Amino acid sequence: MRWKVVIGNLGSILKLFGLAFFIPVIPAFYYQELPIFFGFLPYNALVFIFLTFFTITLGYPAEKFTRSEDFYHNEAIVLVSFTWLVLALISSLPFLMTYTLYSPVDAFFEAMAGITTTGATVLTFPLEAHPKSILLWRAVLQWLGGMGVIVLSVAILSKLSKGGLSLLEAESPGPEITRLKPKIKETAKSIWYLYGLFTLMLIILLLGARVSLYDAVYHSLTTMPTGGFSPHSNSIAYFSSTVQWIFIFFMIIAGVNTSLQYQAFGGKLKRLFTDPEFKAYIAIITTGAAIIILFGVSQDISIRDALFQTVSILTTTGYTTQNFDKWPEILRLLLLLFMFVGGSAGSTSGGIKVLRILLMFKLIKRRLIEYANPKRVLVVWMGDSVIDERTLETVAIFFGAYLLIFVIGALVMVGLGLDLVSGIAASASSLGNIGPGLGLISNASFRSVPKAGRLFLAIIMWIGRLEIFTAIVLFNPSLYKKRRLRNLLDFDLSGKI
């Protein structure tokens, strides 16, 4: 392990990330938040300006540790994992320095919930009472974290492009990295160009629906990363039905594999409807909404509300238009199951992912057939491709690891005093990077969770965002041994599912 490579490249990322702190300066000036200097210079603006220079300055000496060079596989894993932790810590500073939150644990929780696109919060309600610059900072964190800070860094920083594939594989929000361009740097750029374009399209549509500029920008920054933060206490229920339909459409897009988005945007729409995962994704949404409508007749649940909550929870966005914690038990159970499923592989959604669910069902089906016919040799197909045995084994391992971490999380939450439903929902919501849950956290507010539980759940969010393996392999001592091997692990992340 060459620690100078890790620290040096972390410094480069910090220099780039520091620029993000300047964005909330705009609303701080516009809304004149605490104008304490010369009668017009807002205190909050000074905080964010200071943090801009502080983070960039912090990155400079760290960057000097190393020159531009390729990564070994273990170094890429450590760099990605540490980057998310360090960025969450630095991102927590605005909450403390503006006295929005007073506890470092709460500030870290809020920052981690933002950058992992979880959408959970410990801010006091009503949210409208908080400075708009602070609220916008949460949205900026979600937008950057949605597609990945490392992906952005690979696209912009030439020194990271040499080991870019290893970095993207370690940070990947989906099971695999699909090259959209021959060079990985160009692939990273294409991903962010498309991500930015969809964000801009949503801003324009919301403005056309007479949403204020602040709300249009804010919710576009939190919709495309399937983040779910809103500056309004009643979330998307604040807006008209027309606006809610717009959100439904873009949440569905955000939950689609980025590679399919790219191909469809390029005119290859047929590719969408021949993709097995996309068809399953749409089928789950349709079936889920139909079940909610069927069993929600007594609650007067509209088609729009049924579809909205199905899409919001399945894509792990976490917006709400109704208090679904008051829905019939069967519908609450359905939404809890959706928390585990998540969106498509390669999307900004969290959860297990539809592709893994499909492969797991195919694996179970094959095993049942083999039990009945021991001499029969079967392969697993996904569309026109045969899935290799190593990939299927990794899927099974991922399922086991995901469920084990979920169970541990639920046990810890119940052990800290939460009721069973709230504890289960808190663990599932945090691991799936969703936000709202059931019981005490139905409105995505985790203030009822003890402080120790908030810190624990922040780590669970981090593990969920890094797709389990990248985070838990940090506890493998062999990762830190000085070996010049690309593949140090018992499983190959370059082919992970």
Protein backbone atom coordinates (compact mmCIF):
# COMPACT_ATOMS: atom_id res chain seq x y z
CA MET A 1 0.00 0.00 0.00
CA ARG A 2 1.51 3.30 -1.11
CA TRP A 3 -0.11 5.75 1.29
CA LYS A 4 1.44 8.71 -0.50
CA VAL A 5 -0.63 7.80 -3.57
CA VAL A 6 -3.82 7.72 -1.49
CA ILE A 7 -3.11 10.99 0.39
CA GLY A 8 -1.85 12.81 -2.70
CA ASN A 9 -4.87 11.99 -4.82
CA LEU A 10 -7.22 12.71 -1.94
CA GLY A 11 -5.66 16.17 -1.88
CA SER A 12 -6.46 16.65 -5.57
CA ILE A 13 -10.08 15.67 -4.95
CA LEU A 14 -10.32 18.07 -1.99
CA LYS A 15 -9.13 20.95 -4.17
CA LEU A 16 -11.88 20.18 -6.67
CA PHE A 17 -14.55 19.60 -4.02
CA GLY A 18 -13.74 22.91 -2.33
CA LEU A 19 -15.31 24.79 -5.22
CA ALA A 20 -18.72 23.35 -4.26
CA PHE A 21 -18.76 25.40 -1.06
CA PHE A 22 -19.04 28.58 -3.10
CA ILE A 23 -22.48 27.70 -4.53
CA PRO A 24 -24.50 28.44 -1.33
CA VAL A 25 -22.86 31.89 -1.20
CA ILE A 26 -25.38 33.00 -3.85
CA PRO A 27 -28.57 32.47 -1.77
CA ALA A 28 -26.75 33.73 1.33
CA PHE A 29 -26.23 37.08 -0.41
CA TYR A 30 -29.60 37.14 -2.16
CA TYR A 31 -31.60 36.47 1.01
CA GLN A 32 -29.19 38.52 3.17
CA GLU A 33 -28.72 35.84 5.81
CA LEU A 34 -27.36 37.47 8.98
CA PRO A 35 -25.84 40.63 7.43
CA ILE A 36 -23.36 41.37 10.23
CA PHE A 37 -20.59 43.11 8.31
CA PHE A 38 -21.05 46.59 6.83
CA GLY A 39 -24.81 46.08 6.98
CA PHE A 40 -24.95 43.76 3.97
CA LEU A 41 -22.20 41.11 4.13
CA PRO A 42 -23.97 37.92 5.33
CA TYR A 43 -22.33 35.75 7.95
CA ASN A 44 -23.37 32.54 6.15
CA ALA A 45 -21.73 33.77 2.96
CA LEU A 46 -18.48 34.34 4.84
CA VAL A 47 -18.66 30.81 6.25
CA PHE A 48 -18.97 29.23 2.83
CA ILE A 49 -16.30 31.50 1.32
CA PHE A 50 -13.95 30.56 4.14
CA LEU A 51 -14.66 26.84 3.66
CA THR A 52 -14.02 27.17 -0.07
CA PHE A 53 -10.49 28.45 0.52
CA PHE A 54 -9.96 26.19 3.55
CA THR A 55 -10.73 23.00 1.63
CA ILE A 56 -8.69 24.02 -1.42
CA THR A 57 -5.78 25.03 0.82
CA LEU A 58 -6.05 21.73 2.68
CA GLY A 59 -5.79 19.88 -0.60
CA TYR A 60 -2.58 21.59 -1.78
CA PRO A 61 -0.07 20.13 0.73
CA ALA A 62 -1.76 16.72 0.58
CA GLU A 63 -1.47 16.72 -3.21
CA LYS A 64 2.32 17.17 -2.96
CA PHE A 65 2.64 13.68 -1.48
CA THR A 66 2.62 12.05 -4.88
CA ARG A 67 2.98 12.57 -8.59
CA SER A 68 0.58 11.46 -11.31
CA GLU A 69 0.70 7.67 -11.48
CA ASP A 70 -1.48 4.62 -11.87
CA PHE A 71 -3.25 2.97 -8.92
CA TYR A 72 -3.01 -0.52 -7.61
CA HIS A 73 -6.36 -2.10 -6.88
CA ASN A 74 -6.03 -1.88 -3.11
CA GLU A 75 -5.06 1.80 -3.31
CA ALA A 76 -8.14 2.60 -5.39
CA ILE A 77 -10.40 0.94 -2.79
CA VAL A 78 -8.81 2.80 0.13
CA LEU A 79 -8.83 6.13 -1.75
CA VAL A 80 -12.51 5.87 -2.65
CA SER A 81 -13.58 4.72 0.84
CA PHE A 82 -11.57 7.38 2.66
CA THR A 83 -12.63 10.10 0.22
CA TRP A 84 -16.30 9.65 1.10
CA LEU A 85 -15.57 9.73 4.82
CA VAL A 86 -13.32 12.80 4.59
CA LEU A 87 -15.75 14.68 2.35
CA ALA A 88 -18.61 13.93 4.75
CA LEU A 89 -16.55 15.28 7.65
CA ILE A 90 -15.63 18.49 5.80
CA SER A 91 -19.18 18.87 4.50
CA SER A 92 -20.47 18.82 8.08
CA LEU A 93 -18.64 22.05 8.93
CA PRO A 94 -21.25 24.48 7.48
CA PHE A 95 -23.92 23.01 9.77
CA LEU A 96 -21.72 23.63 12.81
CA MET A 97 -20.25 26.99 11.81
CA THR A 98 -23.69 28.49 11.04
CA TYR A 99 -25.11 27.06 14.29
CA THR A 100 -27.74 25.12 12.35
CA LEU A 101 -26.66 22.04 14.29
CA TYR A 102 -24.66 22.03 17.52
CA SER A 103 -23.58 18.40 17.72
CA PRO A 104 -20.67 17.15 15.54
CA VAL A 105 -22.42 13.77 15.35
CA ASP A 106 -25.59 15.38 14.00
CA ALA A 107 -23.61 17.49 11.53
CA PHE A 108 -21.76 14.40 10.30
CA PHE A 109 -25.06 12.52 10.00
CA GLU A 110 -26.63 15.33 7.96
CA ALA A 111 -23.60 15.59 5.68
CA MET A 112 -23.40 11.83 5.18
CA ALA A 113 -27.14 11.66 4.48
CA GLY A 114 -26.57 14.30 1.82
CA ILE A 115 -23.48 13.03 0.05
CA THR A 116 -24.73 9.40 0.04
CA THR A 117 -28.11 10.65 -1.31
CA THR A 118 -29.92 9.05 1.63
CA GLY A 119 -32.10 12.06 2.37
CA ALA A 120 -32.45 11.44 6.10
CA THR A 121 -32.26 14.49 8.32
CA VAL A 122 -31.82 15.62 11.91
CA LEU A 123 -32.72 19.25 11.22
CA THR A 124 -35.56 20.66 13.27
CA PHE A 125 -38.95 21.16 11.64
CA PRO A 126 -40.22 23.30 10.01
CA LEU A 127 -37.40 23.14 7.49
CA GLU A 128 -38.43 26.50 6.09
CA ALA A 129 -37.05 28.13 9.25
CA HIS A 130 -33.46 27.24 8.31
CA PRO A 131 -31.25 29.47 6.12
CA LYS A 132 -31.68 28.83 2.42
CA SER A 133 -27.92 28.63 1.93
CA ILE A 134 -27.69 25.72 4.37
CA LEU A 135 -30.64 23.97 2.77
CA LEU A 136 -29.09 24.44 -0.67
CA TRP A 137 -25.81 23.01 0.62
CA ARG A 138 -27.67 19.78 1.36
CA ALA A 139 -28.95 19.72 -2.23
CA VAL A 140 -25.46 20.36 -3.65
CA LEU A 141 -24.12 17.46 -1.58
CA GLN A 142 -26.75 15.14 -2.98
CA TRP A 143 -26.14 16.18 -6.57
CA LEU A 144 -22.39 15.64 -6.26
CA GLY A 145 -22.80 12.38 -4.39
CA GLY A 146 -25.44 10.99 -6.75
CA MET A 147 -23.27 10.32 -9.76
CA GLY A 148 -20.14 10.19 -7.64
CA VAL A 149 -17.44 12.61 -6.59
CA ILE A 150 -14.81 10.19 -7.87
CA VAL A 151 -16.50 9.96 -11.27
CA LEU A 152 -16.43 13.75 -11.50
CA SER A 153 -12.79 13.83 -10.42
CA VAL A 154 -11.80 11.27 -13.05
CA ALA A 155 -13.59 13.33 -15.68
CA ILE A 156 -11.83 16.58 -14.73
CA LEU A 157 -8.47 15.70 -13.16
CA SER A 158 -5.98 14.26 -15.65
CA LYS A 159 -3.86 12.73 -12.87
CA LEU A 160 -6.77 10.48 -11.85
CA SER A 161 -7.49 9.23 -15.36
CA LYS A 162 -4.64 6.67 -15.32
CA GLY A 163 -6.25 4.64 -12.57
CA GLY A 164 -9.73 5.82 -13.44
CA LEU A 165 -11.26 2.42 -14.12
CA SER A 166 -10.20 1.05 -10.72
CA LEU A 167 -11.61 4.15 -9.02
CA LEU A 168 -14.92 3.99 -10.87
CA GLU A 169 -15.27 0.28 -10.11
CA ALA A 170 -14.72 0.97 -6.41
CA GLU A 171 -17.18 3.88 -6.29
CA SER A 172 -19.69 2.61 -8.85
CA PRO A 173 -23.30 3.31 -7.84
CA GLY A 174 -24.28 0.18 -9.75
CA PRO A 175 -22.99 -3.34 -10.16
CA GLU A 176 -20.75 -2.66 -13.12
CA ILE A 177 -19.02 0.02 -15.15
CA THR A 178 -20.01 0.14 -18.81
CA ARG A 179 -17.63 1.99 -21.08
CA LEU A 180 -19.59 4.58 -23.04
CA LYS A 181 -16.37 5.75 -24.71
CA PRO A 182 -13.05 3.99 -25.47
CA LYS A 183 -11.26 6.00 -22.76
CA ILE A 184 -12.47 5.83 -19.16
CA LYS A 185 -11.94 9.60 -18.76
CA GLU A 186 -14.31 10.21 -21.68
CA THR A 187 -16.80 7.75 -20.18
CA ALA A 188 -16.77 9.71 -16.91
CA LYS A 189 -17.31 12.95 -18.83
CA SER A 190 -20.21 11.48 -20.79
CA ILE A 191 -21.87 10.28 -17.59
CA TRP A 192 -21.65 13.73 -16.03
CA TYR A 193 -22.72 15.55 -19.21
CA LEU A 194 -25.87 13.43 -19.39
CA TYR A 195 -26.48 13.84 -15.65
CA GLY A 196 -26.13 17.61 -15.95
CA LEU A 197 -28.35 17.73 -19.03
CA PHE A 198 -31.20 15.87 -17.31
CA THR A 199 -30.81 18.19 -14.31
CA LEU A 200 -31.06 21.24 -16.57
CA MET A 201 -34.12 19.80 -18.37
CA LEU A 202 -35.87 19.30 -15.04
CA ILE A 203 -35.08 22.86 -13.94
CA ILE A 204 -36.61 24.23 -17.15
CA LEU A 205 -39.75 22.09 -16.85
CA LEU A 206 -40.26 23.08 -13.21
CA LEU A 207 -39.85 26.75 -14.06
CA GLY A 208 -42.42 26.25 -16.82
CA ALA A 209 -44.78 24.79 -14.19
CA ARG A 210 -44.41 28.05 -12.23
CA VAL A 211 -42.10 26.70 -9.55
CA SER A 212 -39.81 29.34 -8.05
CA LEU A 213 -36.19 29.41 -9.27
CA TYR A 214 -34.86 28.36 -5.87
CA ASP A 215 -37.24 25.38 -5.63
CA ALA A 216 -36.66 24.40 -9.27
CA VAL A 217 -32.88 24.33 -8.86
CA TYR A 218 -33.04 22.73 -5.43
CA HIS A 219 -35.33 19.84 -6.37
CA SER A 220 -33.54 19.22 -9.65
CA LEU A 221 -30.31 18.81 -7.68
CA THR A 222 -31.99 16.26 -5.40
CA THR A 223 -34.17 14.40 -7.92
CA MET A 224 -31.60 13.24 -10.47
CA PRO A 225 -29.30 11.76 -7.78
CA THR A 226 -32.41 10.12 -6.24
CA GLY A 227 -31.61 12.01 -3.05
CA GLY A 228 -34.93 13.31 -1.78
CA PHE A 229 -33.96 16.36 0.24
CA SER A 230 -36.52 19.17 0.07
CA PRO A 231 -36.54 22.62 1.69
CA HIS A 232 -40.23 22.09 2.54
CA SER A 233 -41.43 20.20 5.60
CA ASN A 234 -44.21 18.50 3.63
CA SER A 235 -41.82 17.54 0.83
CA ILE A 236 -43.40 17.31 -2.65
CA ALA A 237 -46.93 17.62 -1.24
CA TYR A 238 -46.07 21.34 -1.26
CA PHE A 239 -46.43 21.40 -5.06
CA SER A 240 -49.31 21.02 -7.50
CA SER A 241 -50.33 17.72 -9.10
CA THR A 242 -48.73 18.81 -12.40
CA VAL A 243 -45.37 19.31 -10.70
CA GLN A 244 -45.70 15.95 -8.95
CA TRP A 245 -46.17 14.22 -12.32
CA ILE A 246 -42.98 15.88 -13.55
CA PHE A 247 -41.12 14.50 -10.53
CA ILE A 248 -42.52 11.01 -11.17
CA PHE A 249 -41.20 11.04 -14.74
CA PHE A 250 -37.72 12.18 -13.78
CA MET A 251 -37.46 9.84 -10.80
CA ILE A 252 -38.17 6.96 -13.18
CA ILE A 253 -35.43 8.23 -15.51
CA ALA A 254 -33.00 8.57 -12.59
CA GLY A 255 -33.61 4.93 -11.65
CA VAL A 256 -32.61 3.67 -15.12
CA ASN A 257 -29.14 2.34 -15.91
CA THR A 258 -26.90 5.21 -17.05
CA SER A 259 -25.76 3.22 -20.07
CA LEU A 260 -29.37 2.79 -21.20
CA GLN A 261 -30.03 6.49 -20.60
CA TYR A 262 -27.08 7.31 -22.83
CA GLN A 263 -28.20 4.96 -25.60
CA ALA A 264 -31.83 6.11 -25.45
CA PHE A 265 -30.77 9.75 -25.52
CA GLY A 266 -28.71 8.90 -28.59
CA GLY A 267 -31.80 7.63 -30.40
CA LYS A 268 -31.56 3.92 -29.57
CA LEU A 269 -34.92 3.71 -27.82
CA LYS A 270 -35.40 0.11 -28.89
CA ARG A 271 -32.53 -0.83 -26.60
CA LEU A 272 -34.64 0.21 -23.62
CA PHE A 273 -37.51 -2.14 -24.35
CA THR A 274 -35.32 -5.14 -25.08
CA ASP A 275 -33.33 -4.81 -21.86
CA PRO A 276 -34.48 -7.42 -19.29
CA GLU A 277 -33.68 -5.24 -16.28
CA PHE A 278 -35.55 -2.21 -17.65
CA LYS A 279 -38.62 -4.34 -18.39
CA ALA A 280 -38.52 -5.77 -14.86
CA TYR A 281 -38.02 -2.27 -13.42
CA ILE A 282 -41.12 -0.93 -15.18
CA ALA A 283 -43.10 -4.06 -14.27
CA ILE A 284 -42.27 -3.60 -10.57
CA ILE A 285 -43.35 0.04 -10.69
CA THR A 286 -46.62 -0.80 -12.46
CA THR A 287 -47.44 -3.74 -10.20
CA GLY A 288 -46.55 -1.82 -7.04
CA ALA A 289 -48.75 1.13 -7.95
CA ALA A 290 -51.63 -1.21 -8.85
CA ILE A 291 -51.41 -3.00 -5.48
CA ILE A 292 -51.38 0.31 -3.62
CA ILE A 293 -54.46 1.50 -5.52
CA LEU A 294 -56.24 -1.83 -4.90
CA PHE A 295 -55.58 -2.00 -1.16
CA GLY A 296 -55.70 1.76 -0.63
CA VAL A 297 -59.31 2.32 -1.64
CA SER A 298 -60.33 2.97 1.96
CA GLN A 299 -57.55 5.57 2.27
CA ASP A 300 -58.66 7.36 -0.90
CA ILE A 301 -55.19 6.99 -2.42
CA SER A 302 -55.11 8.49 -5.90
CA ILE A 303 -53.33 6.96 -8.91
CA ARG A 304 -50.81 9.79 -8.74
CA ASP A 305 -50.03 9.24 -5.05
CA ALA A 306 -49.77 5.47 -5.55
CA LEU A 307 -47.39 5.84 -8.48
CA PHE A 308 -45.43 8.63 -6.79
CA GLN A 309 -44.70 6.71 -3.60
CA THR A 310 -43.92 3.51 -5.50
CA VAL A 311 -41.38 5.29 -7.71
CA SER A 312 -39.99 7.40 -4.88
CA ILE A 313 -39.26 4.43 -2.59
CA LEU A 314 -38.20 2.01 -5.33
CA THR A 315 -35.69 4.46 -6.81
CA THR A 316 -34.63 5.34 -3.23
CA THR A 317 -35.38 9.03 -3.85
CA GLY A 318 -37.43 9.35 -0.69
CA TYR A 319 -39.79 12.20 -1.58
CA THR A 320 -43.27 11.98 -0.07
CA THR A 321 -46.71 13.30 -0.97
CA GLN A 322 -48.58 11.43 1.75
CA ASN A 323 -47.90 10.03 5.21
CA PHE A 324 -47.70 6.39 4.05
CA ASP A 325 -47.06 5.30 7.64
CA LYS A 326 -50.84 5.56 8.06
CA TRP A 327 -51.55 3.27 5.10
CA PRO A 328 -52.80 -0.33 5.62
CA GLU A 329 -50.21 -2.77 6.96
CA ILE A 330 -49.90 -4.65 3.67
CA LEU A 331 -48.96 -1.44 1.84
CA ARG A 332 -46.40 -0.50 4.48
CA LEU A 333 -44.88 -3.96 4.07
CA LEU A 334 -44.82 -3.49 0.29
CA LEU A 335 -42.94 -0.19 0.61
CA LEU A 336 -40.50 -1.84 3.04
CA LEU A 337 -39.78 -4.52 0.41
CA PHE A 338 -39.22 -1.80 -2.21
CA MET A 339 -36.55 -0.34 0.08
CA PHE A 340 -34.53 -3.49 -0.47
CA VAL A 341 -35.09 -3.72 -4.23
CA GLY A 342 -33.85 -0.28 -5.33
CA GLY A 343 -33.53 0.94 -8.92
CA SER A 344 -31.55 -0.36 -11.89
CA ALA A 345 -27.89 -1.30 -11.88
CA GLY A 346 -25.69 1.60 -12.93
CA SER A 347 -28.26 4.20 -11.82
CA THR A 348 -27.99 6.65 -8.95
CA SER A 349 -30.46 4.56 -6.93
CA GLY A 350 -29.49 2.60 -3.85
CA GLY A 351 -30.76 -0.76 -2.65
CA ILE A 352 -29.86 -4.23 -3.92
CA LYS A 353 -30.74 -3.30 -7.54
CA VAL A 354 -33.21 -4.92 -9.93
CA LEU A 355 -30.45 -6.71 -11.88
CA ARG A 356 -29.22 -8.55 -8.79
CA ILE A 357 -32.81 -9.48 -7.89
CA LEU A 358 -33.34 -10.93 -11.37
CA LEU A 359 -30.09 -12.89 -11.26
CA MET A 360 -30.90 -14.22 -7.80
CA PHE A 361 -34.29 -15.52 -8.99
CA LYS A 362 -32.62 -17.14 -12.01
CA LEU A 363 -30.01 -18.69 -9.73
CA ILE A 364 -32.69 -20.12 -7.44
CA LYS A 365 -34.66 -21.43 -10.43
CA ARG A 366 -31.57 -23.15 -11.82
CA ARG A 367 -30.75 -24.76 -8.49
CA LEU A 368 -34.31 -26.13 -8.15
CA ILE A 369 -34.13 -27.64 -11.63
CA GLU A 370 -30.72 -29.15 -10.86
CA TYR A 371 -32.06 -30.73 -7.68
CA ALA A 372 -34.77 -32.44 -9.70
CA ASN A 373 -32.36 -33.34 -12.54
CA PRO A 374 -28.84 -33.81 -11.04
CA LYS A 375 -27.23 -34.69 -14.39
CA ARG A 376 -28.56 -31.62 -16.17
CA VAL A 377 -26.11 -28.76 -16.78
CA LEU A 378 -27.71 -25.33 -17.01
CA VAL A 379 -26.45 -21.81 -17.64
CA VAL A 380 -28.04 -18.54 -16.57
CA TRP A 381 -28.99 -16.11 -19.32
CA MET A 382 -29.63 -12.39 -19.04
CA GLY A 383 -31.01 -11.27 -22.37
CA ASP A 384 -28.58 -12.55 -25.00
CA SER A 385 -25.68 -12.97 -22.58
CA VAL A 386 -24.63 -15.95 -20.50
CA ILE A 387 -23.77 -14.98 -16.93
CA ASP A 388 -20.55 -16.59 -15.73
CA GLU A 389 -20.37 -18.58 -12.50
CA ARG A 390 -18.09 -16.07 -10.75
CA THR A 391 -20.66 -13.33 -11.27
CA LEU A 392 -23.47 -15.50 -9.93
CA GLU A 393 -21.37 -16.38 -6.90
CA THR A 394 -20.72 -12.68 -6.26
CA VAL A 395 -24.46 -11.96 -6.47
CA ALA A 396 -25.15 -14.59 -3.82
CA ILE A 397 -22.37 -13.21 -1.60
CA PHE A 398 -23.71 -9.67 -2.02
CA PHE A 399 -27.20 -10.77 -0.97
CA GLY A 400 -25.84 -12.46 2.11
CA ALA A 401 -23.66 -9.48 3.07
CA TYR A 402 -26.48 -6.98 2.46
CA LEU A 403 -28.99 -8.89 4.58
CA LEU A 404 -26.43 -9.49 7.34
CA ILE A 405 -25.62 -5.77 7.62
CA PHE A 406 -29.35 -4.96 7.57
CA VAL A 407 -30.03 -7.41 10.42
CA ILE A 408 -27.12 -6.03 12.47
CA GLY A 409 -28.41 -2.50 11.87
CA ALA A 410 -31.94 -3.42 12.94
CA LEU A 411 -30.66 -5.17 16.09
CA VAL A 412 -28.56 -2.15 17.06
CA MET A 413 -31.49 0.23 16.52
CA VAL A 414 -33.88 -1.88 18.60
CA GLY A 415 -31.17 -2.30 21.22
CA LEU A 416 -30.88 1.50 21.44
CA GLY A 417 -34.58 1.79 22.25
CA LEU A 418 -36.43 2.06 18.94
CA ASP A 419 -39.55 -0.05 18.46
CA LEU A 420 -39.28 -3.04 16.11
CA VAL A 421 -40.90 -1.40 13.07
CA SER A 422 -38.88 1.81 13.40
CA GLY A 423 -35.65 -0.12 13.97
CA ILE A 424 -36.14 -2.32 10.91
CA ALA A 425 -37.12 0.65 8.76
CA ALA A 426 -34.19 2.77 9.97
CA SER A 427 -31.70 0.05 9.06
CA ALA A 428 -33.28 -0.67 5.65
CA SER A 429 -33.64 3.02 4.82
CA SER A 430 -30.04 3.87 5.75
CA LEU A 431 -28.45 0.87 4.02
CA GLY A 432 -30.54 1.47 0.89
CA ASN A 433 -29.83 5.25 0.97
CA ILE A 434 -33.54 6.05 0.96
CA GLY A 435 -34.37 8.50 3.77
CA PRO A 436 -37.94 8.05 4.98
CA GLY A 437 -39.04 4.84 6.62
CA LEU A 438 -41.82 3.68 8.91
CA GLY A 439 -42.79 4.43 12.47
CA LEU A 440 -40.68 7.12 14.12
CA ILE A 441 -38.79 7.96 10.89
CA SER A 442 -41.72 8.03 8.45
CA ASN A 443 -41.02 11.69 7.59
CA ALA A 444 -37.26 11.05 7.14
CA SER A 445 -36.53 12.81 10.44
CA PHE A 446 -34.09 10.79 12.57
CA ARG A 447 -34.18 13.11 15.58
CA SER A 448 -35.93 10.39 17.60
CA VAL A 449 -32.94 8.07 17.08
CA PRO A 450 -30.38 8.27 19.93
CA LYS A 451 -27.13 10.07 19.10
CA ALA A 452 -25.10 6.84 19.12
CA GLY A 453 -27.65 5.39 16.70
CA ARG A 454 -27.28 8.36 14.36
CA LEU A 455 -23.53 7.86 14.18
CA PHE A 456 -24.02 4.15 13.54
CA LEU A 457 -26.59 4.81 10.79
CA ALA A 458 -24.26 7.34 9.15
CA ILE A 459 -21.70 4.53 8.79
CA ILE A 460 -24.44 2.25 7.42
CA MET A 461 -25.25 4.91 4.79
CA TRP A 462 -21.58 5.01 3.82
CA ILE A 463 -21.45 1.22 3.48
CA GLY A 464 -24.63 1.20 1.40
CA ARG A 465 -23.40 3.93 -0.94
CA LEU A 466 -20.14 2.07 -1.57
CA GLU A 467 -22.06 -1.09 -2.52
CA ILE A 468 -21.02 -3.11 0.54
CA PHE A 469 -17.83 -4.77 -0.76
CA THR A 470 -15.74 -1.62 -1.13
CA ALA A 471 -16.45 -0.65 2.48
CA ILE A 472 -16.23 -4.00 4.27
CA VAL A 473 -13.02 -5.05 2.52
CA LEU A 474 -11.28 -2.24 4.43
CA PHE A 475 -11.35 -4.61 7.41
CA ASN A 476 -9.25 -7.16 5.51
CA PRO A 477 -5.62 -6.74 6.75
CA SER A 478 -4.21 -8.07 3.47
CA LEU A 479 -5.56 -4.96 1.76
CA TYR A 480 -2.86 -2.85 3.38
CA LYS A 481 0.09 -5.11 2.64
CA LYS A 482 2.70 -3.76 0.29
CA ARG A 483 1.99 -5.87 -2.75
CA ARG A 484 2.24 -4.95 -6.37
CA LEU A 485 -0.81 -6.91 -7.38
CA ARG A 486 -3.91 -5.57 -9.08
CA ASN A 487 -6.26 -8.06 -7.55
CA LEU A 488 -5.70 -8.48 -3.82
CA LEU A 489 -9.17 -9.69 -2.97
CA ASP A 490 -10.91 -13.02 -2.97
CA PHE A 491 -13.45 -11.53 -5.36
CA ASP A 492 -12.76 -9.43 -8.43
CA LEU A 493 -14.36 -5.99 -8.17
CA SER A 494 -13.74 -5.40 -11.86
CA GLY A 495 -16.46 -7.93 -12.58
CA LYS A 496 -18.65 -7.39 -9.58
CA ILE A 497 -22.40 -7.56 -9.79
